[in-house]
Amino acid sequence: MRVALACDHGALEYKEILKKELPQEGYEVVDFGTYSHESCDYPDYIAKAAQAVAKGECDRGIVLCGTGIGASIAANKIKGIRCALCSESFSARLTREHNDSNILAMGQRVIGEEVMRDIVKTWLTTPFSQGERHKKRIAKLARLEQAD
């Protein structure tokens, strides 16, 4: 599985951890930045990762910022993205099973490092349930994107 990673300066440490550890678990990582602690604007990096997922260049994405809120909002502005902000593994599991989320957002200032690892592992290994009611709801979300 090819995973897009992106962050702003407020979550560089967690992105770098994932960049190092995910390949050890068999994932291919594409790093869309940022690459330093210099203050930057999260939409510049998050949008690139989300676009890669939306275009099928990456299978899924993980985006981070200080709280995860800005990263999730930015990712969800890209057509075809279903980004879920998670701060615990229960939501990470359900957003995959029920919503077929394709991007995970987290906040470095909100969760601890081990919690982050658990969320990522849960989210990456949980399949979409393929339930008809969930497929119907996802289709409705896609129609909302067309309503503009």
Protein backbone atom coordinates (compact mmCIF):
# COMPACT_ATOMS: atom_id res chain seq x y z
CA MET A 1 0.00 0.00 0.00
CA ARG A 2 1.26 3.44 -0.93
CA VAL A 3 0.68 6.04 1.80
CA ALA A 4 0.90 9.81 1.33
CA LEU A 5 2.24 11.73 4.33
CA ALA A 6 2.02 15.48 4.93
CA CYS A 7 2.22 17.85 7.87
CA ASP A 8 2.89 21.40 8.92
CA HIS A 9 5.61 22.52 11.32
CA GLY A 10 3.45 21.58 14.32
CA ALA A 11 3.60 17.87 13.54
CA LEU A 12 6.95 17.33 11.88
CA GLU A 13 8.14 14.89 14.55
CA TYR A 14 5.18 12.54 14.08
CA LYS A 15 5.46 12.64 10.30
CA GLU A 16 9.14 11.76 10.54
CA ILE A 17 8.35 8.84 12.88
CA LEU A 18 5.79 7.50 10.41
CA LYS A 19 8.13 8.07 7.48
CA LYS A 20 10.70 5.88 9.21
CA GLU A 21 8.41 3.20 10.68
CA LEU A 22 5.79 2.60 7.98
CA PRO A 23 8.28 1.14 5.45
CA GLN A 24 9.35 -1.33 8.16
CA GLU A 25 5.73 -2.55 8.16
CA GLY A 26 5.71 -2.96 4.37
CA TYR A 27 4.14 0.36 3.38
CA GLU A 28 5.53 2.60 0.68
CA VAL A 29 5.62 6.22 1.84
CA VAL A 30 5.40 9.36 -0.27
CA ASP A 31 6.39 12.44 1.75
CA PHE A 32 4.71 15.69 0.69
CA GLY A 33 6.36 17.80 3.40
CA THR A 34 6.89 19.96 5.30
CA TYR A 35 10.53 19.20 5.96
CA SER A 36 11.46 21.71 8.66
CA HIS A 37 10.21 23.37 11.85
CA GLU A 38 9.92 26.71 10.05
CA SER A 39 6.39 28.08 10.31
CA CYS A 40 4.32 27.15 7.25
CA ASP A 41 0.74 26.94 6.06
CA TYR A 42 -0.75 23.45 6.40
CA PRO A 43 -3.00 23.65 3.29
CA ASP A 44 0.09 23.89 1.06
CA TYR A 45 1.28 20.42 2.09
CA ILE A 46 -1.95 18.68 3.02
CA ALA A 47 -3.57 19.47 -0.34
CA LYS A 48 -0.70 17.81 -2.24
CA ALA A 49 -1.09 14.60 -0.25
CA ALA A 50 -4.89 14.64 -0.60
CA GLN A 51 -4.65 15.24 -4.35
CA ALA A 52 -2.31 12.26 -4.67
CA VAL A 53 -4.89 10.07 -2.92
CA ALA A 54 -7.78 11.49 -4.94
CA LYS A 55 -5.90 10.84 -8.20
CA GLY A 56 -5.04 7.28 -7.17
CA GLU A 57 -1.31 7.97 -7.02
CA CYS A 58 -1.41 6.89 -3.36
CA ASP A 59 -3.82 4.41 -1.82
CA ARG A 60 -4.32 6.34 1.40
CA GLY A 61 -2.94 9.36 3.22
CA ILE A 62 -2.01 10.45 6.71
CA VAL A 63 -1.97 14.18 7.42
CA LEU A 64 -0.94 15.94 10.61
CA CYS A 65 -0.82 19.35 12.20
CA GLY A 66 -0.83 20.60 15.79
CA THR A 67 -4.45 19.65 16.44
CA GLY A 68 -5.30 17.75 13.26
CA ILE A 69 -8.27 20.05 12.71
CA GLY A 70 -6.75 22.23 10.00
CA ALA A 71 -5.23 19.22 8.28
CA SER A 72 -8.58 17.42 8.19
CA ILE A 73 -10.41 20.48 6.88
CA ALA A 74 -7.81 21.02 4.15
CA ALA A 75 -7.87 17.38 3.06
CA ASN A 76 -11.66 17.30 2.91
CA LYS A 77 -11.67 20.24 0.48
CA ILE A 78 -10.29 17.89 -2.19
CA LYS A 79 -12.98 16.11 -4.19
CA GLY A 80 -13.06 12.39 -3.46
CA ILE A 81 -11.43 12.63 -0.06
CA ARG A 82 -13.02 11.25 3.08
CA CYS A 83 -10.64 12.39 5.80
CA ALA A 84 -11.29 11.49 9.42
CA LEU A 85 -9.72 13.26 12.38
CA CYS A 86 -8.98 10.62 15.01
CA SER A 87 -7.55 10.85 18.49
CA GLU A 88 -8.17 7.22 19.50
CA SER A 89 -8.25 3.85 17.76
CA PHE A 90 -11.98 3.12 18.14
CA SER A 91 -12.84 5.98 15.77
CA ALA A 92 -9.98 4.97 13.47
CA ARG A 93 -11.47 1.48 13.14
CA LEU A 94 -15.02 2.69 12.58
CA THR A 95 -14.07 5.34 10.04
CA ARG A 96 -12.50 2.62 7.93
CA GLU A 97 -15.30 0.07 8.44
CA HIS A 98 -18.21 2.48 7.98
CA ASN A 99 -16.91 5.47 6.01
CA ASP A 100 -14.10 3.91 3.95
CA SER A 101 -11.98 6.93 4.90
CA ASN A 102 -9.01 7.38 2.64
CA ILE A 103 -7.12 9.93 4.72
CA LEU A 104 -6.40 9.95 8.43
CA ALA A 105 -5.75 13.22 10.26
CA MET A 106 -4.16 13.51 13.69
CA GLY A 107 -2.83 16.26 15.94
CA GLN A 108 0.65 16.00 17.42
CA ARG A 109 -0.24 18.38 20.24
CA VAL A 110 -3.34 16.34 21.10
CA ILE A 111 -2.21 12.70 21.25
CA GLY A 112 0.84 10.90 22.54
CA GLU A 113 3.30 9.08 20.34
CA GLU A 114 2.14 5.56 21.27
CA VAL A 115 -1.51 6.52 20.78
CA MET A 116 -0.57 7.88 17.35
CA ARG A 117 1.08 4.57 16.44
CA ASP A 118 -1.97 2.60 17.61
CA ILE A 119 -4.35 4.80 15.62
CA VAL A 120 -2.24 4.46 12.47
CA LYS A 121 -1.92 0.68 12.81
CA THR A 122 -5.66 0.31 13.39
CA TRP A 123 -6.57 2.60 10.51
CA LEU A 124 -4.18 1.03 8.01
CA THR A 125 -5.18 -2.56 8.81
CA THR A 126 -8.95 -2.16 9.06
CA PRO A 127 -10.82 -2.93 5.85
CA PHE A 128 -14.01 -1.25 4.67
CA SER A 129 -16.97 -3.42 5.73
CA GLN A 130 -18.58 -3.34 2.25
CA GLY A 131 -21.93 -3.04 4.03
CA GLU A 132 -24.73 -1.91 1.74
CA ARG A 133 -25.91 0.81 4.14
CA HIS A 134 -22.37 2.19 4.29
CA LYS A 135 -21.95 2.09 0.51
CA LYS A 136 -25.24 3.99 0.18
CA ARG A 137 -24.07 6.70 2.58
CA ILE A 138 -20.70 7.07 0.86
CA ALA A 139 -22.51 7.44 -2.47
CA LYS A 140 -24.60 10.21 -0.93
CA LEU A 141 -21.41 11.97 0.19
CA ALA A 142 -20.08 11.76 -3.37
CA ARG A 143 -23.30 13.30 -4.68
CA LEU A 144 -22.88 16.19 -2.23
CA GLU A 145 -19.53 16.96 -3.90
CA GLN A 146 -21.31 17.16 -7.26
CA ALA A 147 -23.95 19.60 -5.96
CA ASP A 148 -21.74 22.69 -6.27
